[in-house]
Amino acid sequence: MVIKNVSLETVCGITSKIPDNPYPEVAFAGRSNVGKSSLINALMNRKSLARTSAQPGKTQTINFYNINDAMYLVDLPGYGYAKASEEIKAKWGKMIENYLHVSKKLKAVFLLVDIRHDPSANDKMMYDWMVYQGFSPIIIATKLDKIKRSQIQKQLKAVREGLKAEPGTIILPFSAETKQGREELWDLIDRLILPEDAGEENPHCTA
């Protein structure tokens, strides 16, 4: 993907109506502080388009990033933020559920987990819930630069087993720091949105 222009086009709060967008969407979900904003910035080659923060629970809205007037990256609220009240957590959950059901252009959901640790109870719950909703989440194992190369396969296996991932589930290691996994992730996204341009040359893919 050659990114020519990108903008934060729509921000949806708890009471907002989900936009009926004209282009395909891919959505990113993950628990608070898993590196979702950093991943989105790395994907878009921007330093601070998605706001990153050491304080978890920063993303409390659904953010739609328009890329090249060809597709949207959708940043879903971080889940499992301990300091949020149960009422707020329930509202965030409802907001995510509403988006997954309402969006007509959603092509794939990516679930981010921290490669350094076994999946948390919240990660497992989110994965199972997405499968129950009829999606086949693609797993992105973030913070790849924080572990040794020799540990990668062992940790990827721990993620797969910890989530009890469905057979054939893609798990992609990724580092927002080194950009390792960025090209593979874009290749995957391009393949997912390509059917929208079936029969046409896709001008948004790199050769």
N, C-alpha and C. Protein backbone atom coordinates (compact mmCIF):
# COMPACT_ATOMS: atom_id res chain seq x y z
N MET A 1 0.86 -1.20 0.00
CA MET A 1 0.00 0.00 0.00
C MET A 1 0.88 1.24 0.00
N VAL A 2 0.78 2.05 -1.03
CA VAL A 2 1.45 3.34 -1.06
C VAL A 2 0.47 4.36 -0.51
N ILE A 3 0.80 4.94 0.64
CA ILE A 3 -0.13 5.86 1.29
C ILE A 3 0.12 7.28 0.79
N LYS A 4 -0.87 7.80 0.07
CA LYS A 4 -0.75 9.15 -0.48
C LYS A 4 -1.39 10.17 0.44
N ASN A 5 -2.55 9.83 0.99
CA ASN A 5 -3.15 10.73 1.97
C ASN A 5 -3.95 9.94 2.98
N VAL A 6 -3.97 10.44 4.19
CA VAL A 6 -4.67 9.77 5.27
C VAL A 6 -5.24 10.83 6.21
N SER A 7 -6.45 10.58 6.70
CA SER A 7 -7.04 11.55 7.62
C SER A 7 -7.97 10.83 8.59
N LEU A 8 -8.08 11.39 9.79
CA LEU A 8 -9.07 10.91 10.75
C LEU A 8 -10.39 11.53 10.33
N GLU A 9 -11.25 10.72 9.71
CA GLU A 9 -12.45 11.26 9.08
C GLU A 9 -13.65 11.31 10.02
N THR A 10 -13.84 10.24 10.81
CA THR A 10 -15.02 10.17 11.67
C THR A 10 -14.63 9.65 13.05
N VAL A 11 -15.18 10.27 14.09
CA VAL A 11 -15.00 9.80 15.46
C VAL A 11 -16.39 9.52 16.03
N CYS A 12 -16.62 8.26 16.43
CA CYS A 12 -17.93 7.87 16.96
C CYS A 12 -17.85 7.63 18.46
N GLY A 13 -18.68 8.34 19.19
CA GLY A 13 -18.81 8.10 20.62
C GLY A 13 -19.93 7.11 20.89
N ILE A 14 -20.26 6.95 22.17
CA ILE A 14 -21.23 5.95 22.58
C ILE A 14 -22.60 6.17 21.94
N THR A 15 -22.98 7.44 21.75
CA THR A 15 -24.32 7.71 21.21
C THR A 15 -24.30 8.01 19.71
N SER A 16 -23.11 7.95 19.09
CA SER A 16 -23.01 8.31 17.67
C SER A 16 -23.57 7.22 16.77
N LYS A 17 -23.99 7.64 15.58
CA LYS A 17 -24.45 6.70 14.56
C LYS A 17 -23.23 6.22 13.78
N ILE A 18 -23.15 4.92 13.54
CA ILE A 18 -22.04 4.37 12.76
C ILE A 18 -22.16 4.86 11.32
N PRO A 19 -21.08 5.43 10.74
CA PRO A 19 -21.20 5.97 9.38
C PRO A 19 -21.37 4.87 8.33
N ASP A 20 -22.09 5.20 7.28
CA ASP A 20 -22.27 4.27 6.16
C ASP A 20 -21.19 4.63 5.13
N ASN A 21 -20.00 4.10 5.32
CA ASN A 21 -18.85 4.51 4.52
C ASN A 21 -18.87 3.90 3.12
N PRO A 22 -18.27 4.60 2.15
CA PRO A 22 -18.28 4.10 0.78
C PRO A 22 -17.18 3.08 0.46
N TYR A 23 -16.17 2.97 1.35
CA TYR A 23 -15.01 2.11 1.05
C TYR A 23 -14.90 0.99 2.07
N PRO A 24 -14.17 -0.09 1.70
CA PRO A 24 -14.02 -1.21 2.63
C PRO A 24 -13.29 -0.80 3.91
N GLU A 25 -13.59 -1.53 4.99
CA GLU A 25 -13.02 -1.23 6.31
C GLU A 25 -12.32 -2.46 6.87
N VAL A 26 -11.23 -2.24 7.58
CA VAL A 26 -10.63 -3.27 8.42
C VAL A 26 -10.52 -2.68 9.82
N ALA A 27 -10.90 -3.45 10.84
CA ALA A 27 -10.98 -2.93 12.20
C ALA A 27 -9.92 -3.57 13.09
N PHE A 28 -9.45 -2.80 14.06
CA PHE A 28 -8.41 -3.25 14.99
C PHE A 28 -8.95 -3.17 16.41
N ALA A 29 -8.89 -4.30 17.09
CA ALA A 29 -9.34 -4.38 18.48
C ALA A 29 -8.19 -4.90 19.33
N GLY A 30 -8.21 -4.56 20.61
CA GLY A 30 -7.17 -5.05 21.51
C GLY A 30 -7.36 -4.45 22.87
N ARG A 31 -6.80 -5.11 23.87
CA ARG A 31 -6.96 -4.58 25.22
C ARG A 31 -6.15 -3.29 25.35
N SER A 32 -6.48 -2.52 26.35
CA SER A 32 -5.77 -1.26 26.60
C SER A 32 -4.27 -1.51 26.74
N ASN A 33 -3.50 -0.62 26.14
CA ASN A 33 -2.03 -0.64 26.25
C ASN A 33 -1.36 -1.78 25.49
N VAL A 34 -2.06 -2.39 24.52
CA VAL A 34 -1.44 -3.48 23.75
C VAL A 34 -0.64 -2.93 22.57
N GLY A 35 -0.77 -1.61 22.32
CA GLY A 35 0.00 -1.00 21.24
C GLY A 35 -0.81 -0.75 19.98
N LYS A 36 -2.12 -0.58 20.14
CA LYS A 36 -3.00 -0.42 18.97
C LYS A 36 -2.72 0.90 18.24
N SER A 37 -2.64 1.99 18.99
CA SER A 37 -2.38 3.29 18.36
C SER A 37 -1.00 3.31 17.70
N SER A 38 -0.02 2.70 18.35
CA SER A 38 1.34 2.63 17.78
C SER A 38 1.33 1.84 16.48
N LEU A 39 0.59 0.73 16.46
CA LEU A 39 0.50 -0.09 15.24
C LEU A 39 -0.14 0.72 14.12
N ILE A 40 -1.23 1.43 14.42
CA ILE A 40 -1.92 2.20 13.38
C ILE A 40 -1.01 3.31 12.84
N ASN A 41 -0.29 3.98 13.73
CA ASN A 41 0.67 4.99 13.28
C ASN A 41 1.75 4.38 12.40
N ALA A 42 2.25 3.21 12.79
CA ALA A 42 3.28 2.53 12.00
C ALA A 42 2.74 2.13 10.62
N LEU A 43 1.52 1.64 10.59
CA LEU A 43 0.90 1.26 9.32
C LEU A 43 0.76 2.46 8.39
N MET A 44 0.41 3.59 8.97
CA MET A 44 0.13 4.77 8.15
C MET A 44 1.36 5.65 7.95
N ASN A 45 2.51 5.20 8.48
CA ASN A 45 3.75 5.99 8.37
C ASN A 45 3.59 7.39 8.94
N ARG A 46 2.85 7.49 10.01
CA ARG A 46 2.67 8.78 10.68
C ARG A 46 3.10 8.61 12.14
N LYS A 47 3.66 9.67 12.70
CA LYS A 47 4.16 9.54 14.07
C LYS A 47 3.05 9.63 15.11
N SER A 48 2.07 10.48 14.86
CA SER A 48 1.12 10.72 15.95
C SER A 48 -0.31 10.97 15.45
N LEU A 49 -0.69 10.31 14.36
CA LEU A 49 -2.08 10.49 13.90
C LEU A 49 -3.03 9.84 14.90
N ALA A 50 -2.73 8.58 15.26
CA ALA A 50 -3.48 7.94 16.36
C ALA A 50 -2.75 8.30 17.64
N ARG A 51 -3.47 8.84 18.60
CA ARG A 51 -2.83 9.31 19.83
C ARG A 51 -2.40 8.12 20.69
N THR A 52 -1.11 8.08 20.98
CA THR A 52 -0.60 7.04 21.87
C THR A 52 -0.47 7.64 23.28
N SER A 53 -0.55 6.79 24.27
CA SER A 53 -0.46 7.27 25.64
C SER A 53 0.01 6.15 26.55
N ALA A 54 0.81 6.53 27.55
CA ALA A 54 1.21 5.54 28.56
C ALA A 54 0.03 5.21 29.46
N GLN A 55 -0.97 6.06 29.39
CA GLN A 55 -2.17 5.84 30.22
C GLN A 55 -3.16 4.99 29.42
N PRO A 56 -3.42 3.76 29.89
CA PRO A 56 -4.33 2.89 29.15
C PRO A 56 -5.75 3.43 29.13
N GLY A 57 -6.52 2.94 28.18
CA GLY A 57 -7.92 3.35 28.10
C GLY A 57 -8.11 4.67 27.39
N LYS A 58 -7.09 5.10 26.63
CA LYS A 58 -7.15 6.42 25.97
C LYS A 58 -8.17 6.42 24.84
N THR A 59 -8.19 5.35 24.04
CA THR A 59 -9.15 5.30 22.92
C THR A 59 -10.52 4.90 23.47
N GLN A 60 -11.42 5.87 23.53
CA GLN A 60 -12.75 5.60 24.07
C GLN A 60 -13.83 5.84 23.01
N THR A 61 -13.36 5.98 21.77
CA THR A 61 -14.27 6.20 20.64
C THR A 61 -13.88 5.23 19.53
N ILE A 62 -14.74 5.12 18.52
CA ILE A 62 -14.38 4.38 17.30
C ILE A 62 -13.88 5.41 16.31
N ASN A 63 -12.63 5.26 15.88
CA ASN A 63 -12.00 6.24 14.99
C ASN A 63 -11.82 5.65 13.59
N PHE A 64 -12.31 6.37 12.60
CA PHE A 64 -12.25 5.92 11.21
C PHE A 64 -11.19 6.74 10.47
N TYR A 65 -10.11 6.06 10.03
CA TYR A 65 -9.04 6.71 9.28
C TYR A 65 -9.22 6.41 7.79
N ASN A 66 -9.41 7.46 7.01
CA ASN A 66 -9.57 7.32 5.56
C ASN A 66 -8.19 7.29 4.92
N ILE A 67 -7.91 6.23 4.16
CA ILE A 67 -6.62 6.09 3.49
C ILE A 67 -6.83 6.13 1.98
N ASN A 68 -6.23 7.12 1.35
CA ASN A 68 -6.23 7.26 -0.12
C ASN A 68 -7.64 7.33 -0.73
N ASP A 69 -8.64 7.67 0.05
CA ASP A 69 -10.02 7.59 -0.43
C ASP A 69 -10.29 6.23 -1.06
N ALA A 70 -9.74 5.19 -0.42
CA ALA A 70 -9.88 3.83 -0.97
C ALA A 70 -10.30 2.83 0.10
N MET A 71 -9.99 3.12 1.37
CA MET A 71 -10.32 2.19 2.45
C MET A 71 -10.26 2.92 3.79
N TYR A 72 -10.74 2.24 4.83
CA TYR A 72 -10.68 2.79 6.19
C TYR A 72 -9.99 1.80 7.13
N LEU A 73 -9.12 2.34 7.98
CA LEU A 73 -8.66 1.61 9.16
C LEU A 73 -9.54 2.08 10.31
N VAL A 74 -10.11 1.15 11.04
CA VAL A 74 -11.04 1.48 12.11
C VAL A 74 -10.43 1.07 13.46
N ASP A 75 -10.23 2.05 14.31
CA ASP A 75 -9.62 1.83 15.63
C ASP A 75 -10.74 1.72 16.66
N LEU A 76 -10.91 0.51 17.22
CA LEU A 76 -11.96 0.26 18.20
C LEU A 76 -11.45 0.57 19.62
N PRO A 77 -12.34 0.91 20.56
CA PRO A 77 -11.90 1.22 21.92
C PRO A 77 -11.16 0.05 22.56
N GLY A 78 -10.11 0.36 23.33
CA GLY A 78 -9.39 -0.68 24.06
C GLY A 78 -10.28 -1.27 25.13
N TYR A 79 -10.20 -2.59 25.31
CA TYR A 79 -11.04 -3.24 26.32
C TYR A 79 -10.17 -3.68 27.50
N GLY A 80 -10.84 -4.04 28.59
CA GLY A 80 -10.12 -4.56 29.75
C GLY A 80 -9.40 -3.50 30.57
N TYR A 81 -9.79 -2.24 30.40
CA TYR A 81 -9.15 -1.17 31.18
C TYR A 81 -9.70 -1.18 32.59
N ALA A 82 -8.86 -1.54 33.55
CA ALA A 82 -9.31 -1.82 34.92
C ALA A 82 -9.97 -0.62 35.59
N LYS A 83 -9.50 0.59 35.30
CA LYS A 83 -10.00 1.75 36.05
C LYS A 83 -11.34 2.27 35.53
N ALA A 84 -11.76 1.78 34.36
CA ALA A 84 -13.06 2.22 33.84
C ALA A 84 -14.17 1.56 34.66
N SER A 85 -15.24 2.28 34.87
CA SER A 85 -16.36 1.72 35.63
C SER A 85 -17.04 0.62 34.83
N GLU A 86 -17.74 -0.26 35.52
CA GLU A 86 -18.45 -1.35 34.83
C GLU A 86 -19.45 -0.80 33.82
N GLU A 87 -20.06 0.34 34.17
CA GLU A 87 -21.05 0.94 33.28
C GLU A 87 -20.39 1.40 31.97
N ILE A 88 -19.23 2.04 32.11
CA ILE A 88 -18.50 2.51 30.92
C ILE A 88 -18.02 1.32 30.09
N LYS A 89 -17.49 0.29 30.77
CA LYS A 89 -17.03 -0.91 30.05
C LYS A 89 -18.16 -1.52 29.25
N ALA A 90 -19.34 -1.58 29.87
CA ALA A 90 -20.50 -2.17 29.19
C ALA A 90 -20.87 -1.34 27.97
N LYS A 91 -20.76 -0.01 28.09
CA LYS A 91 -21.08 0.86 26.96
C LYS A 91 -20.08 0.70 25.83
N TRP A 92 -18.78 0.58 26.18
CA TRP A 92 -17.77 0.36 25.15
C TRP A 92 -18.05 -0.96 24.43
N GLY A 93 -18.37 -1.99 25.20
CA GLY A 93 -18.67 -3.30 24.61
C GLY A 93 -19.84 -3.22 23.65
N LYS A 94 -20.86 -2.47 24.07
CA LYS A 94 -22.05 -2.29 23.23
C LYS A 94 -21.70 -1.55 21.95
N MET A 95 -20.82 -0.56 22.10
CA MET A 95 -20.40 0.24 20.95
C MET A 95 -19.66 -0.63 19.92
N ILE A 96 -18.75 -1.49 20.41
CA ILE A 96 -18.02 -2.39 19.51
C ILE A 96 -18.98 -3.37 18.85
N GLU A 97 -19.87 -3.93 19.65
CA GLU A 97 -20.84 -4.91 19.12
C GLU A 97 -21.71 -4.25 18.05
N ASN A 98 -22.16 -3.04 18.32
CA ASN A 98 -23.00 -2.32 17.38
C ASN A 98 -22.25 -2.11 16.06
N TYR A 99 -20.98 -1.70 16.15
CA TYR A 99 -20.19 -1.47 14.94
C TYR A 99 -20.06 -2.76 14.12
N LEU A 100 -19.71 -3.87 14.79
CA LEU A 100 -19.51 -5.14 14.09
C LEU A 100 -20.78 -5.58 13.35
N HIS A 101 -21.93 -5.27 13.93
CA HIS A 101 -23.19 -5.68 13.31
C HIS A 101 -23.67 -4.70 12.23
N VAL A 102 -23.39 -3.41 12.44
CA VAL A 102 -23.97 -2.38 11.58
C VAL A 102 -23.14 -2.12 10.32
N SER A 103 -21.80 -2.18 10.46
CA SER A 103 -20.95 -1.84 9.32
C SER A 103 -21.22 -2.77 8.13
N LYS A 104 -21.47 -2.18 6.99
CA LYS A 104 -21.71 -2.97 5.78
C LYS A 104 -20.42 -3.22 5.01
N LYS A 105 -19.36 -2.50 5.36
CA LYS A 105 -18.12 -2.56 4.59
C LYS A 105 -16.98 -3.26 5.33
N LEU A 106 -17.26 -3.80 6.51
CA LEU A 106 -16.20 -4.42 7.30
C LEU A 106 -15.73 -5.72 6.64
N LYS A 107 -14.43 -5.76 6.31
CA LYS A 107 -13.85 -6.92 5.62
C LYS A 107 -13.10 -7.85 6.56
N ALA A 108 -12.58 -7.32 7.65
CA ALA A 108 -11.80 -8.17 8.57
C ALA A 108 -11.63 -7.47 9.91
N VAL A 109 -11.50 -8.28 10.96
CA VAL A 109 -11.21 -7.76 12.29
C VAL A 109 -9.86 -8.32 12.73
N PHE A 110 -8.97 -7.43 13.15
CA PHE A 110 -7.67 -7.81 13.68
C PHE A 110 -7.70 -7.68 15.20
N LEU A 111 -7.26 -8.73 15.87
CA LEU A 111 -7.21 -8.71 17.33
C LEU A 111 -5.75 -8.66 17.76
N LEU A 112 -5.38 -7.63 18.51
CA LEU A 112 -4.00 -7.46 18.95
C LEU A 112 -3.80 -8.10 20.32
N VAL A 113 -2.73 -8.87 20.45
CA VAL A 113 -2.33 -9.42 21.75
C VAL A 113 -0.83 -9.18 21.92
N ASP A 114 -0.39 -9.10 23.15
CA ASP A 114 1.01 -8.86 23.47
C ASP A 114 1.78 -10.18 23.36
N ILE A 115 2.77 -10.23 22.46
CA ILE A 115 3.49 -11.47 22.21
C ILE A 115 4.29 -11.94 23.43
N ARG A 116 4.55 -11.04 24.37
CA ARG A 116 5.40 -11.39 25.52
C ARG A 116 4.68 -12.24 26.55
N HIS A 117 3.34 -12.20 26.53
CA HIS A 117 2.57 -12.85 27.59
C HIS A 117 1.53 -13.80 27.00
N ASP A 118 1.14 -14.77 27.81
CA ASP A 118 -0.01 -15.59 27.41
C ASP A 118 -1.24 -14.69 27.32
N PRO A 119 -2.17 -14.99 26.42
CA PRO A 119 -3.37 -14.16 26.31
C PRO A 119 -4.10 -14.06 27.64
N SER A 120 -4.60 -12.86 27.93
CA SER A 120 -5.33 -12.63 29.18
C SER A 120 -6.76 -13.16 29.06
N ALA A 121 -7.45 -13.18 30.18
CA ALA A 121 -8.85 -13.60 30.18
C ALA A 121 -9.67 -12.69 29.26
N ASN A 122 -9.34 -11.39 29.26
CA ASN A 122 -10.04 -10.45 28.38
C ASN A 122 -9.76 -10.73 26.91
N ASP A 123 -8.49 -11.09 26.60
CA ASP A 123 -8.15 -11.44 25.21
C ASP A 123 -8.96 -12.65 24.75
N LYS A 124 -9.01 -13.66 25.60
CA LYS A 124 -9.76 -14.89 25.25
C LYS A 124 -11.23 -14.58 25.07
N MET A 125 -11.76 -13.77 25.97
CA MET A 125 -13.19 -13.42 25.90
C MET A 125 -13.49 -12.69 24.59
N MET A 126 -12.61 -11.73 24.23
CA MET A 126 -12.82 -10.96 23.00
C MET A 126 -12.71 -11.86 21.77
N TYR A 127 -11.72 -12.76 21.78
CA TYR A 127 -11.56 -13.67 20.64
C TYR A 127 -12.80 -14.56 20.49
N ASP A 128 -13.21 -15.19 21.58
CA ASP A 128 -14.38 -16.08 21.53
C ASP A 128 -15.63 -15.33 21.09
N TRP A 129 -15.76 -14.10 21.59
CA TRP A 129 -16.93 -13.29 21.28
C TRP A 129 -16.97 -12.94 19.79
N MET A 130 -15.79 -12.61 19.22
CA MET A 130 -15.74 -12.27 17.79
C MET A 130 -16.08 -13.48 16.93
N VAL A 131 -15.57 -14.65 17.33
CA VAL A 131 -15.91 -15.88 16.60
C VAL A 131 -17.41 -16.14 16.69
N TYR A 132 -17.97 -15.93 17.88
CA TYR A 132 -19.40 -16.12 18.10
C TYR A 132 -20.21 -15.17 17.21
N GLN A 133 -19.66 -13.95 16.98
CA GLN A 133 -20.35 -12.97 16.14
C GLN A 133 -20.22 -13.29 14.65
N GLY A 134 -19.46 -14.36 14.34
CA GLY A 134 -19.35 -14.78 12.95
C GLY A 134 -18.09 -14.31 12.24
N PHE A 135 -17.15 -13.74 13.00
CA PHE A 135 -15.91 -13.28 12.39
C PHE A 135 -14.80 -14.32 12.59
N SER A 136 -13.77 -14.23 11.76
CA SER A 136 -12.57 -15.04 11.93
C SER A 136 -11.43 -14.07 12.21
N PRO A 137 -11.23 -13.68 13.47
CA PRO A 137 -10.24 -12.65 13.76
C PRO A 137 -8.84 -13.06 13.31
N ILE A 138 -8.11 -12.09 12.76
CA ILE A 138 -6.70 -12.28 12.45
C ILE A 138 -5.92 -11.73 13.65
N ILE A 139 -5.00 -12.52 14.18
CA ILE A 139 -4.29 -12.14 15.40
C ILE A 139 -3.00 -11.41 15.04
N ILE A 140 -2.78 -10.26 15.66
CA ILE A 140 -1.50 -9.56 15.53
C ILE A 140 -0.81 -9.62 16.89
N ALA A 141 0.36 -10.25 16.91
CA ALA A 141 1.14 -10.37 18.15
C ALA A 141 2.10 -9.19 18.22
N THR A 142 1.76 -8.19 19.04
CA THR A 142 2.50 -6.93 19.08
C THR A 142 3.73 -7.02 19.99
N LYS A 143 4.52 -5.93 19.94
CA LYS A 143 5.71 -5.76 20.79
C LYS A 143 6.77 -6.82 20.50
N LEU A 144 6.88 -7.18 19.22
CA LEU A 144 7.83 -8.20 18.77
C LEU A 144 9.27 -7.84 19.13
N ASP A 145 9.59 -6.54 19.13
CA ASP A 145 10.96 -6.11 19.41
C ASP A 145 11.35 -6.32 20.87
N LYS A 146 10.37 -6.65 21.73
CA LYS A 146 10.65 -6.80 23.16
C LYS A 146 11.11 -8.22 23.53
N ILE A 147 11.08 -9.13 22.55
CA ILE A 147 11.53 -10.50 22.85
C ILE A 147 12.68 -10.88 21.91
N LYS A 148 13.44 -11.92 22.31
CA LYS A 148 14.54 -12.40 21.48
C LYS A 148 13.99 -13.19 20.30
N ARG A 149 14.75 -13.16 19.22
CA ARG A 149 14.35 -13.89 18.01
C ARG A 149 14.09 -15.37 18.31
N SER A 150 14.91 -15.93 19.21
CA SER A 150 14.78 -17.36 19.53
C SER A 150 13.48 -17.69 20.26
N GLN A 151 12.82 -16.66 20.81
CA GLN A 151 11.58 -16.88 21.58
C GLN A 151 10.32 -16.78 20.71
N ILE A 152 10.47 -16.27 19.48
CA ILE A 152 9.29 -15.91 18.69
C ILE A 152 8.34 -17.09 18.49
N GLN A 153 8.85 -18.21 17.99
CA GLN A 153 7.97 -19.34 17.68
C GLN A 153 7.29 -19.88 18.94
N LYS A 154 8.05 -19.92 20.04
CA LYS A 154 7.48 -20.39 21.31
C LYS A 154 6.33 -19.48 21.76
N GLN A 155 6.53 -18.17 21.63
CA GLN A 155 5.50 -17.22 22.06
C GLN A 155 4.28 -17.23 21.14
N LEU A 156 4.52 -17.39 19.84
CA LEU A 156 3.40 -17.48 18.90
C LEU A 156 2.55 -18.71 19.19
N LYS A 157 3.23 -19.80 19.55
CA LYS A 157 2.50 -21.03 19.91
C LYS A 157 1.68 -20.81 21.18
N ALA A 158 2.26 -20.07 22.15
CA ALA A 158 1.55 -19.78 23.40
C ALA A 158 0.31 -18.92 23.14
N VAL A 159 0.42 -17.98 22.20
CA VAL A 159 -0.73 -17.14 21.83
C VAL A 159 -1.81 -18.00 21.20
N ARG A 160 -1.42 -18.84 20.24
CA ARG A 160 -2.39 -19.69 19.54
C ARG A 160 -3.11 -20.61 20.53
N GLU A 161 -2.34 -21.25 21.40
CA GLU A 161 -2.94 -22.19 22.35
C GLU A 161 -3.74 -21.47 23.42
N GLY A 162 -3.24 -20.31 23.85
CA GLY A 162 -3.94 -19.55 24.89
C GLY A 162 -5.30 -19.06 24.45
N LEU A 163 -5.40 -18.69 23.16
CA LEU A 163 -6.68 -18.22 22.62
C LEU A 163 -7.58 -19.39 22.19
N LYS A 164 -6.96 -20.61 22.14
CA LYS A 164 -7.66 -21.74 21.52
C LYS A 164 -8.14 -21.34 20.13
N ALA A 165 -7.20 -20.79 19.35
CA ALA A 165 -7.52 -20.23 18.03
C ALA A 165 -8.02 -21.32 17.09
N GLU A 166 -8.99 -20.95 16.27
CA GLU A 166 -9.54 -21.86 15.27
C GLU A 166 -8.44 -22.31 14.32
N PRO A 167 -8.52 -23.55 13.80
CA PRO A 167 -7.52 -24.00 12.82
C PRO A 167 -7.45 -23.02 11.64
N GLY A 168 -6.24 -22.75 11.20
CA GLY A 168 -6.06 -21.85 10.06
C GLY A 168 -6.01 -20.38 10.41
N THR A 169 -6.17 -20.05 11.71
CA THR A 169 -6.12 -18.64 12.12
C THR A 169 -4.73 -18.06 11.84
N ILE A 170 -4.69 -16.90 11.20
CA ILE A 170 -3.42 -16.22 10.92
C ILE A 170 -2.97 -15.49 12.18
N ILE A 171 -1.71 -15.70 12.56
CA ILE A 171 -1.10 -14.95 13.67
C ILE A 171 0.16 -14.28 13.13
N LEU A 172 0.16 -12.95 13.16
CA LEU A 172 1.23 -12.19 12.54
C LEU A 172 2.03 -11.44 13.60
N PRO A 173 3.32 -11.73 13.76
CA PRO A 173 4.13 -10.96 14.71
C PRO A 173 4.40 -9.56 14.16
N PHE A 174 4.42 -8.56 15.04
CA PHE A 174 4.51 -7.17 14.59
C PHE A 174 5.26 -6.32 15.61
N SER A 175 6.07 -5.40 15.11
CA SER A 175 6.72 -4.42 15.98
C SER A 175 6.49 -3.03 15.42
N ALA A 176 5.85 -2.17 16.22
CA ALA A 176 5.66 -0.77 15.80
C ALA A 176 6.98 -0.02 15.84
N GLU A 177 7.93 -0.51 16.66
CA GLU A 177 9.23 0.16 16.79
C GLU A 177 10.08 -0.06 15.54
N THR A 178 10.23 -1.33 15.13
CA THR A 178 11.12 -1.66 14.01
C THR A 178 10.38 -1.77 12.69
N LYS A 179 9.05 -1.72 12.74
CA LYS A 179 8.16 -1.88 11.57
C LYS A 179 8.17 -3.32 11.02
N GLN A 180 8.77 -4.26 11.78
CA GLN A 180 8.76 -5.66 11.34
C GLN A 180 7.32 -6.16 11.31
N GLY A 181 6.91 -6.75 10.20
CA GLY A 181 5.55 -7.24 10.05
C GLY A 181 4.66 -6.26 9.31
N ARG A 182 5.14 -5.03 9.09
CA ARG A 182 4.31 -4.00 8.44
C ARG A 182 3.95 -4.39 7.01
N GLU A 183 4.97 -4.80 6.24
CA GLU A 183 4.70 -5.16 4.83
C GLU A 183 3.76 -6.36 4.74
N GLU A 184 3.99 -7.35 5.61
CA GLU A 184 3.12 -8.54 5.61
C GLU A 184 1.68 -8.17 5.95
N LEU A 185 1.54 -7.24 6.89
CA LEU A 185 0.19 -6.82 7.29
C LEU A 185 -0.50 -6.07 6.15
N TRP A 186 0.24 -5.20 5.48
CA TRP A 186 -0.36 -4.48 4.35
C TRP A 186 -0.72 -5.44 3.21
N ASP A 187 0.15 -6.42 2.95
CA ASP A 187 -0.15 -7.42 1.91
C ASP A 187 -1.48 -8.12 2.23
N LEU A 188 -1.64 -8.45 3.50
CA LEU A 188 -2.86 -9.13 3.96
C LEU A 188 -4.07 -8.23 3.78
N ILE A 189 -3.93 -6.97 4.18
CA ILE A 189 -5.05 -6.01 4.05
C ILE A 189 -5.40 -5.82 2.57
N ASP A 190 -4.38 -5.68 1.73
CA ASP A 190 -4.64 -5.52 0.30
C ASP A 190 -5.43 -6.70 -0.26
N ARG A 191 -5.07 -7.90 0.17
CA ARG A 191 -5.78 -9.09 -0.31
C ARG A 191 -7.22 -9.11 0.19
N LEU A 192 -7.43 -8.60 1.40
CA LEU A 192 -8.78 -8.60 1.99
C LEU A 192 -9.71 -7.60 1.30
N ILE A 193 -9.15 -6.46 0.89
CA ILE A 193 -10.02 -5.44 0.29
C ILE A 193 -10.05 -5.53 -1.23
N LEU A 194 -9.18 -6.34 -1.82
CA LEU A 194 -9.09 -6.45 -3.27
C LEU A 194 -10.41 -6.82 -3.94
N PRO A 195 -11.23 -7.71 -3.35
CA PRO A 195 -12.50 -8.05 -4.01
C PRO A 195 -13.38 -6.84 -4.31
N GLU A 196 -13.21 -5.76 -3.54
CA GLU A 196 -13.97 -4.54 -3.81
C GLU A 196 -13.65 -4.00 -5.20
N ASP A 197 -12.41 -4.26 -5.65
CA ASP A 197 -11.97 -3.72 -6.94
C ASP A 197 -11.85 -4.83 -7.97
N ALA A 198 -12.61 -5.91 -7.77
CA ALA A 198 -12.52 -7.06 -8.66
C ALA A 198 -12.71 -6.61 -10.10
N GLY A 199 -11.81 -7.11 -10.95
CA GLY A 199 -11.90 -6.79 -12.36
C GLY A 199 -11.22 -5.47 -12.71
N GLU A 200 -10.77 -4.72 -11.72
CA GLU A 200 -10.07 -3.48 -11.98
C GLU A 200 -8.65 -3.60 -11.46
N GLU A 201 -7.79 -2.82 -12.02
CA GLU A 201 -6.44 -2.77 -11.47
C GLU A 201 -6.51 -1.99 -10.18
N ASN A 202 -5.93 -2.54 -9.13
CA ASN A 202 -5.97 -1.84 -7.84
C ASN A 202 -4.81 -0.86 -7.76
N PRO A 203 -5.08 0.46 -7.81
CA PRO A 203 -3.99 1.44 -7.85
C PRO A 203 -3.35 1.65 -6.49
N HIS A 204 -3.86 0.98 -5.45
CA HIS A 204 -3.39 1.28 -4.10
C HIS A 204 -2.37 0.25 -3.61
N CYS A 205 -2.11 -0.76 -4.43
CA CYS A 205 -1.15 -1.78 -4.03
C CYS A 205 0.21 -1.47 -4.62
N THR A 206 1.25 -1.84 -3.88
CA THR A 206 2.58 -1.69 -4.44
C THR A 206 2.82 -2.85 -5.40
N ALA A 207 3.67 -2.63 -6.38
CA ALA A 207 3.92 -3.68 -7.37
C ALA A 207 4.75 -4.79 -6.76
